[in-house]
N, C-alpha and C. Protein backbone atom coordinates (compact mmCIF):
# COMPACT_ATOMS: atom_id res chain seq x y z
N MET A 1 134.31 104.55 88.95
CA MET A 1 135.46 104.30 88.09
C MET A 1 135.21 104.96 86.72
N GLU A 2 136.16 105.78 86.32
CA GLU A 2 136.01 106.45 85.01
C GLU A 2 137.35 106.49 84.29
N PHE A 3 137.31 106.54 82.99
CA PHE A 3 138.54 106.55 82.15
C PHE A 3 138.51 107.76 81.29
N ASN A 4 139.49 108.64 81.49
CA ASN A 4 139.63 109.87 80.64
C ASN A 4 141.05 110.09 80.32
N ASN A 5 141.40 110.39 79.09
CA ASN A 5 142.72 110.79 78.67
C ASN A 5 143.82 109.85 79.20
N GLY A 6 143.65 108.59 79.09
CA GLY A 6 144.65 107.64 79.50
C GLY A 6 144.83 107.46 81.01
N VAL A 7 143.86 107.98 81.79
CA VAL A 7 143.89 107.87 83.24
C VAL A 7 142.64 107.14 83.74
N LEU A 8 142.88 106.05 84.45
CA LEU A 8 141.80 105.26 85.03
C LEU A 8 141.63 105.73 86.50
N HIS A 9 140.51 106.40 86.78
CA HIS A 9 140.31 107.02 88.11
C HIS A 9 139.33 106.18 88.90
N PHE A 10 139.71 105.78 90.12
CA PHE A 10 138.86 105.05 91.00
C PHE A 10 138.33 105.97 92.07
N GLY A 11 137.03 106.07 92.26
CA GLY A 11 136.41 106.90 93.29
C GLY A 11 136.70 106.40 94.67
N PRO A 12 136.23 107.18 95.67
CA PRO A 12 136.59 106.83 97.11
C PRO A 12 136.01 105.42 97.53
N PHE A 13 134.82 105.10 97.20
CA PHE A 13 134.26 103.80 97.62
C PHE A 13 135.03 102.65 96.99
N PHE A 14 135.32 102.79 95.67
CA PHE A 14 136.02 101.71 94.99
C PHE A 14 137.47 101.59 95.48
N ALA A 15 138.08 102.76 95.81
CA ALA A 15 139.43 102.76 96.32
C ALA A 15 139.53 101.99 97.67
N VAL A 16 138.63 102.27 98.56
CA VAL A 16 138.61 101.64 99.88
C VAL A 16 138.30 100.14 99.69
N THR A 17 137.37 99.81 98.86
CA THR A 17 137.03 98.42 98.60
C THR A 17 138.24 97.67 98.03
N LEU A 18 138.90 98.31 97.06
CA LEU A 18 140.11 97.65 96.51
C LEU A 18 141.21 97.52 97.59
N GLY A 19 141.31 98.53 98.46
CA GLY A 19 142.28 98.43 99.55
C GLY A 19 142.01 97.21 100.45
N ILE A 20 140.72 96.99 100.73
CA ILE A 20 140.36 95.84 101.57
C ILE A 20 140.73 94.52 100.85
N VAL A 21 140.47 94.46 99.55
CA VAL A 21 140.81 93.27 98.80
C VAL A 21 142.32 93.03 98.79
N VAL A 22 143.07 94.13 98.63
CA VAL A 22 144.52 94.03 98.62
C VAL A 22 145.05 93.56 99.98
N LEU A 23 144.41 94.01 101.08
CA LEU A 23 144.74 93.56 102.43
C LEU A 23 144.52 92.04 102.58
N PHE A 24 143.36 91.53 102.10
CA PHE A 24 143.10 90.13 102.17
C PHE A 24 144.04 89.34 101.27
N LEU A 25 144.41 89.88 100.15
CA LEU A 25 145.39 89.21 99.27
C LEU A 25 146.71 89.06 100.00
N GLY A 26 147.15 90.15 100.63
CA GLY A 26 148.36 90.12 101.44
C GLY A 26 148.31 89.07 102.55
N LYS A 27 147.13 88.97 103.22
CA LYS A 27 146.99 87.96 104.27
C LYS A 27 147.11 86.57 103.72
N ARG A 28 146.47 86.35 102.60
CA ARG A 28 146.52 85.03 101.99
C ARG A 28 147.92 84.63 101.56
N VAL A 29 148.66 85.61 100.97
CA VAL A 29 150.03 85.31 100.56
C VAL A 29 150.92 85.09 101.75
N ASN A 30 150.74 85.88 102.78
CA ASN A 30 151.59 85.70 104.02
C ASN A 30 151.32 84.33 104.68
N ASP A 31 150.04 83.87 104.61
CA ASP A 31 149.71 82.60 105.19
C ASP A 31 150.36 81.47 104.38
N THR A 32 150.55 81.70 103.10
CA THR A 32 151.09 80.66 102.22
C THR A 32 152.62 80.63 102.18
N VAL A 33 153.22 81.80 102.19
CA VAL A 33 154.66 81.91 102.02
C VAL A 33 155.31 82.05 103.39
N GLY A 34 156.04 80.99 103.83
CA GLY A 34 156.59 80.95 105.16
C GLY A 34 157.62 81.99 105.48
N ILE A 35 158.43 82.39 104.50
CA ILE A 35 159.49 83.40 104.80
C ILE A 35 158.93 84.73 105.18
N LEU A 36 157.75 85.06 104.62
CA LEU A 36 157.09 86.32 104.98
C LEU A 36 156.66 86.32 106.45
N ARG A 37 156.11 85.16 106.87
CA ARG A 37 155.76 85.04 108.30
C ARG A 37 156.99 85.05 109.18
N GLU A 38 158.03 84.37 108.73
CA GLU A 38 159.27 84.30 109.50
C GLU A 38 159.86 85.68 109.76
N PHE A 39 159.86 86.54 108.79
CA PHE A 39 160.42 87.86 108.92
C PHE A 39 159.39 88.90 109.34
N SER A 40 158.20 88.51 109.74
CA SER A 40 157.12 89.33 110.21
C SER A 40 156.76 90.47 109.21
N ILE A 41 156.67 90.10 107.96
CA ILE A 41 156.25 91.14 106.98
C ILE A 41 154.74 91.31 107.09
N PRO A 42 154.28 92.55 107.36
CA PRO A 42 152.83 92.77 107.55
C PRO A 42 152.02 92.46 106.26
N GLU A 43 150.82 92.01 106.42
CA GLU A 43 149.94 91.65 105.30
C GLU A 43 149.69 92.88 104.42
N PRO A 44 149.48 94.10 104.94
CA PRO A 44 149.26 95.26 104.03
C PRO A 44 150.48 95.56 103.20
N VAL A 45 151.66 95.29 103.69
CA VAL A 45 152.90 95.50 102.91
C VAL A 45 152.95 94.50 101.75
N THR A 46 152.69 93.22 102.04
CA THR A 46 152.70 92.23 100.99
C THR A 46 151.64 92.51 99.92
N GLY A 47 150.43 92.75 100.34
CA GLY A 47 149.39 93.05 99.39
C GLY A 47 149.63 94.32 98.59
N GLY A 48 150.15 95.34 99.29
CA GLY A 48 150.49 96.59 98.63
C GLY A 48 151.58 96.43 97.60
N MET A 49 152.58 95.64 97.92
CA MET A 49 153.64 95.39 96.91
C MET A 49 153.12 94.70 95.68
N ILE A 50 152.25 93.69 95.89
CA ILE A 50 151.69 93.00 94.77
C ILE A 50 150.85 93.89 93.90
N ALA A 51 149.97 94.72 94.60
CA ALA A 51 149.12 95.69 93.88
C ALA A 51 149.90 96.69 93.11
N SER A 52 150.97 97.20 93.76
CA SER A 52 151.80 98.21 93.08
C SER A 52 152.50 97.66 91.89
N LEU A 53 152.97 96.38 92.00
CA LEU A 53 153.64 95.74 90.85
C LEU A 53 152.62 95.53 89.73
N LEU A 54 151.40 95.12 90.05
CA LEU A 54 150.40 94.95 89.00
C LEU A 54 150.02 96.22 88.32
N ILE A 55 149.87 97.31 89.12
CA ILE A 55 149.54 98.63 88.58
C ILE A 55 150.71 99.13 87.70
N GLY A 56 151.90 98.92 88.17
CA GLY A 56 153.08 99.27 87.36
C GLY A 56 153.16 98.53 86.07
N LEU A 57 152.79 97.23 86.11
CA LEU A 57 152.80 96.44 84.90
C LEU A 57 151.72 96.90 83.93
N VAL A 58 150.54 97.27 84.47
CA VAL A 58 149.49 97.86 83.59
C VAL A 58 150.01 99.09 82.92
N TYR A 59 150.71 99.97 83.67
CA TYR A 59 151.19 101.20 83.07
C TYR A 59 152.29 100.93 82.01
N LEU A 60 153.19 100.03 82.32
CA LEU A 60 154.24 99.71 81.38
C LEU A 60 153.76 99.11 80.07
N THR A 61 152.69 98.30 80.14
CA THR A 61 152.20 97.67 78.96
C THR A 61 151.16 98.45 78.17
N THR A 62 150.40 99.29 78.88
CA THR A 62 149.32 100.03 78.17
C THR A 62 149.42 101.54 78.23
N ARG A 63 150.35 102.04 79.09
CA ARG A 63 150.49 103.46 79.30
C ARG A 63 149.24 104.07 79.93
N ILE A 64 148.43 103.25 80.54
CA ILE A 64 147.24 103.77 81.27
C ILE A 64 147.65 104.02 82.73
N GLU A 65 147.42 105.25 83.14
CA GLU A 65 147.76 105.61 84.56
C GLU A 65 146.57 105.21 85.41
N VAL A 66 146.85 104.77 86.59
CA VAL A 66 145.79 104.44 87.58
C VAL A 66 145.88 105.45 88.68
N GLU A 67 144.71 106.03 89.00
CA GLU A 67 144.62 107.09 89.98
C GLU A 67 143.52 106.80 90.99
N PHE A 68 143.84 106.97 92.28
CA PHE A 68 142.86 106.70 93.32
C PHE A 68 142.46 107.98 93.99
N ASP A 69 141.16 108.11 94.29
CA ASP A 69 140.68 109.27 95.08
C ASP A 69 141.04 109.01 96.55
N LEU A 70 141.80 109.94 97.11
CA LEU A 70 142.33 109.72 98.44
C LEU A 70 141.55 110.47 99.57
N ALA A 71 140.29 110.87 99.21
CA ALA A 71 139.52 111.65 100.18
C ALA A 71 139.28 110.91 101.48
N THR A 72 139.00 109.59 101.39
CA THR A 72 138.72 108.84 102.58
C THR A 72 139.98 108.50 103.38
N ARG A 73 141.16 108.60 102.75
CA ARG A 73 142.41 108.26 103.43
C ARG A 73 142.57 109.07 104.71
N ASP A 74 142.24 110.40 104.69
CA ASP A 74 142.43 111.21 105.89
C ASP A 74 141.55 110.76 107.01
N PHE A 75 140.30 110.42 106.70
CA PHE A 75 139.40 109.93 107.77
C PHE A 75 139.92 108.60 108.37
N LEU A 76 140.35 107.71 107.48
CA LEU A 76 140.80 106.41 107.93
C LEU A 76 142.12 106.59 108.79
N LEU A 77 142.99 107.50 108.41
CA LEU A 77 144.18 107.72 109.19
C LEU A 77 143.84 108.28 110.61
N VAL A 78 142.83 109.17 110.67
CA VAL A 78 142.40 109.65 111.97
C VAL A 78 141.86 108.47 112.83
N TYR A 79 141.05 107.62 112.26
CA TYR A 79 140.53 106.46 112.98
C TYR A 79 141.69 105.56 113.45
N PHE A 80 142.66 105.31 112.57
CA PHE A 80 143.76 104.44 112.88
C PHE A 80 144.54 104.98 114.08
N PHE A 81 144.97 106.22 114.01
CA PHE A 81 145.79 106.76 115.08
C PHE A 81 144.99 107.00 116.37
N THR A 82 143.67 107.23 116.22
CA THR A 82 142.80 107.32 117.40
C THR A 82 142.78 105.98 118.17
N THR A 83 142.66 104.91 117.45
CA THR A 83 142.64 103.60 118.11
C THR A 83 143.96 103.26 118.76
N ILE A 84 145.05 103.73 118.21
CA ILE A 84 146.33 103.53 118.86
C ILE A 84 146.36 104.35 120.15
N GLY A 85 145.90 105.56 120.10
CA GLY A 85 145.89 106.44 121.29
C GLY A 85 144.97 105.92 122.37
N ILE A 86 143.86 105.31 121.98
CA ILE A 86 142.90 104.78 122.98
C ILE A 86 143.58 103.59 123.72
N ASN A 87 144.42 102.87 123.03
CA ASN A 87 145.05 101.71 123.66
C ASN A 87 146.18 102.09 124.64
N ALA A 88 146.67 103.36 124.62
CA ALA A 88 147.71 103.78 125.51
C ALA A 88 147.08 104.04 126.93
N SER A 89 147.80 103.59 127.91
CA SER A 89 147.33 103.83 129.30
C SER A 89 148.36 104.71 130.05
N LEU A 90 147.83 105.53 130.90
CA LEU A 90 148.68 106.47 131.68
C LEU A 90 149.64 105.68 132.56
N LYS A 91 149.21 104.55 133.06
CA LYS A 91 150.12 103.68 133.85
C LYS A 91 151.31 103.27 133.05
N ASP A 92 151.10 102.79 131.83
CA ASP A 92 152.20 102.39 130.98
C ASP A 92 153.11 103.54 130.66
N LEU A 93 152.55 104.72 130.42
CA LEU A 93 153.41 105.89 130.10
C LEU A 93 154.24 106.29 131.27
N LEU A 94 153.66 106.25 132.46
CA LEU A 94 154.42 106.66 133.69
C LEU A 94 155.51 105.60 134.01
N SER A 95 155.26 104.35 133.65
CA SER A 95 156.30 103.35 133.93
C SER A 95 157.47 103.44 133.01
N GLY A 96 157.34 104.26 131.92
CA GLY A 96 158.46 104.47 130.99
C GLY A 96 159.63 105.19 131.56
N GLY A 97 159.33 106.09 132.58
CA GLY A 97 160.37 106.76 133.32
C GLY A 97 161.22 107.70 132.51
N LYS A 98 162.50 107.82 132.92
CA LYS A 98 163.43 108.75 132.33
C LYS A 98 163.69 108.50 130.82
N PRO A 99 163.86 107.19 130.39
CA PRO A 99 164.10 106.99 128.96
C PRO A 99 162.95 107.50 128.11
N LEU A 100 161.70 107.34 128.59
CA LEU A 100 160.56 107.83 127.84
C LEU A 100 160.56 109.38 127.75
N ILE A 101 160.90 110.03 128.83
CA ILE A 101 161.00 111.47 128.81
C ILE A 101 162.06 111.96 127.81
N ILE A 102 163.22 111.27 127.83
CA ILE A 102 164.30 111.65 126.88
C ILE A 102 163.81 111.42 125.45
N LEU A 103 163.20 110.28 125.18
CA LEU A 103 162.71 110.02 123.82
C LEU A 103 161.64 111.05 123.41
N LEU A 104 160.75 111.38 124.32
CA LEU A 104 159.71 112.39 124.03
C LEU A 104 160.33 113.74 123.75
N SER A 105 161.34 114.15 124.48
CA SER A 105 161.99 115.44 124.32
C SER A 105 162.69 115.47 122.90
N ILE A 106 163.40 114.39 122.58
CA ILE A 106 164.07 114.35 121.27
C ILE A 106 163.08 114.37 120.16
N THR A 107 161.98 113.62 120.29
CA THR A 107 160.91 113.65 119.25
C THR A 107 160.34 115.01 119.04
N ILE A 108 160.00 115.69 120.15
CA ILE A 108 159.43 117.05 120.04
C ILE A 108 160.42 117.99 119.41
N GLY A 109 161.69 117.87 119.82
CA GLY A 109 162.73 118.76 119.18
C GLY A 109 162.83 118.50 117.68
N TYR A 110 162.82 117.28 117.24
CA TYR A 110 162.87 117.00 115.78
C TYR A 110 161.60 117.44 115.07
N MET A 111 160.47 117.41 115.77
CA MET A 111 159.24 117.92 115.12
C MET A 111 159.37 119.40 114.82
N PHE A 112 159.90 120.17 115.77
CA PHE A 112 160.11 121.56 115.57
C PHE A 112 161.13 121.80 114.46
N LEU A 113 162.21 121.01 114.43
CA LEU A 113 163.26 121.14 113.41
C LEU A 113 162.66 120.81 112.01
N GLN A 114 161.86 119.78 111.96
CA GLN A 114 161.23 119.44 110.68
C GLN A 114 160.33 120.55 110.17
N ASN A 115 159.51 121.12 111.06
CA ASN A 115 158.60 122.22 110.64
C ASN A 115 159.41 123.43 110.23
N LEU A 116 160.48 123.75 110.94
CA LEU A 116 161.30 124.88 110.62
C LEU A 116 161.96 124.69 109.28
N THR A 117 162.45 123.46 109.02
CA THR A 117 163.06 123.16 107.72
C THR A 117 162.04 123.32 106.60
N GLY A 118 160.87 122.77 106.79
CA GLY A 118 159.85 122.87 105.74
C GLY A 118 159.44 124.29 105.45
N ILE A 119 159.29 125.13 106.47
CA ILE A 119 158.92 126.51 106.30
C ILE A 119 160.09 127.26 105.56
N THR A 120 161.31 126.98 105.92
CA THR A 120 162.47 127.62 105.35
C THR A 120 162.58 127.29 103.90
N VAL A 121 162.48 126.02 103.54
CA VAL A 121 162.62 125.63 102.11
C VAL A 121 161.44 126.14 101.31
N ALA A 122 160.22 126.13 101.88
CA ALA A 122 159.08 126.68 101.14
C ALA A 122 159.25 128.16 100.86
N SER A 123 159.77 128.88 101.83
CA SER A 123 160.01 130.37 101.62
C SER A 123 161.10 130.60 100.55
N TRP A 124 162.09 129.73 100.45
CA TRP A 124 163.15 129.85 99.41
C TRP A 124 162.50 129.75 98.01
N PHE A 125 161.47 128.91 97.86
CA PHE A 125 160.81 128.70 96.56
C PHE A 125 159.56 129.53 96.42
N ASP A 126 159.38 130.55 97.28
CA ASP A 126 158.23 131.44 97.23
C ASP A 126 156.89 130.70 97.27
N LEU A 127 156.85 129.59 98.07
CA LEU A 127 155.62 128.85 98.25
C LEU A 127 154.98 129.30 99.53
N PRO A 128 153.67 129.13 99.66
CA PRO A 128 152.99 129.52 100.91
C PRO A 128 153.51 128.78 102.12
N THR A 129 153.73 129.47 103.19
CA THR A 129 154.21 128.84 104.40
C THR A 129 153.12 128.84 105.43
């Protein structure tokens, strides 16, 4: 953690540790507040909202910006989506039948459309494509 020119920068280890604390804060609040459980609000969302409000309050009162090193985010995202993929079974996918094939086709089509849109807009602004 370092402070330079009005920016409080948290390194990767501290950022992940703070993320875990925020997750547990969200779990504690969700266990206490019944309406959050009733509407199935995830603990990370609750904790993240509280943390973002606190960071926003720090900025509004002190003009100190809070910055997190996001280097570990990419690794953690790969782990997260890998565990989701590991839980998928071929039997479940095959039982999806025609609706799953239609959904998959639409999803792939929109992926290509999204990439084409991004490349087109980037080329309009002379950005690397």
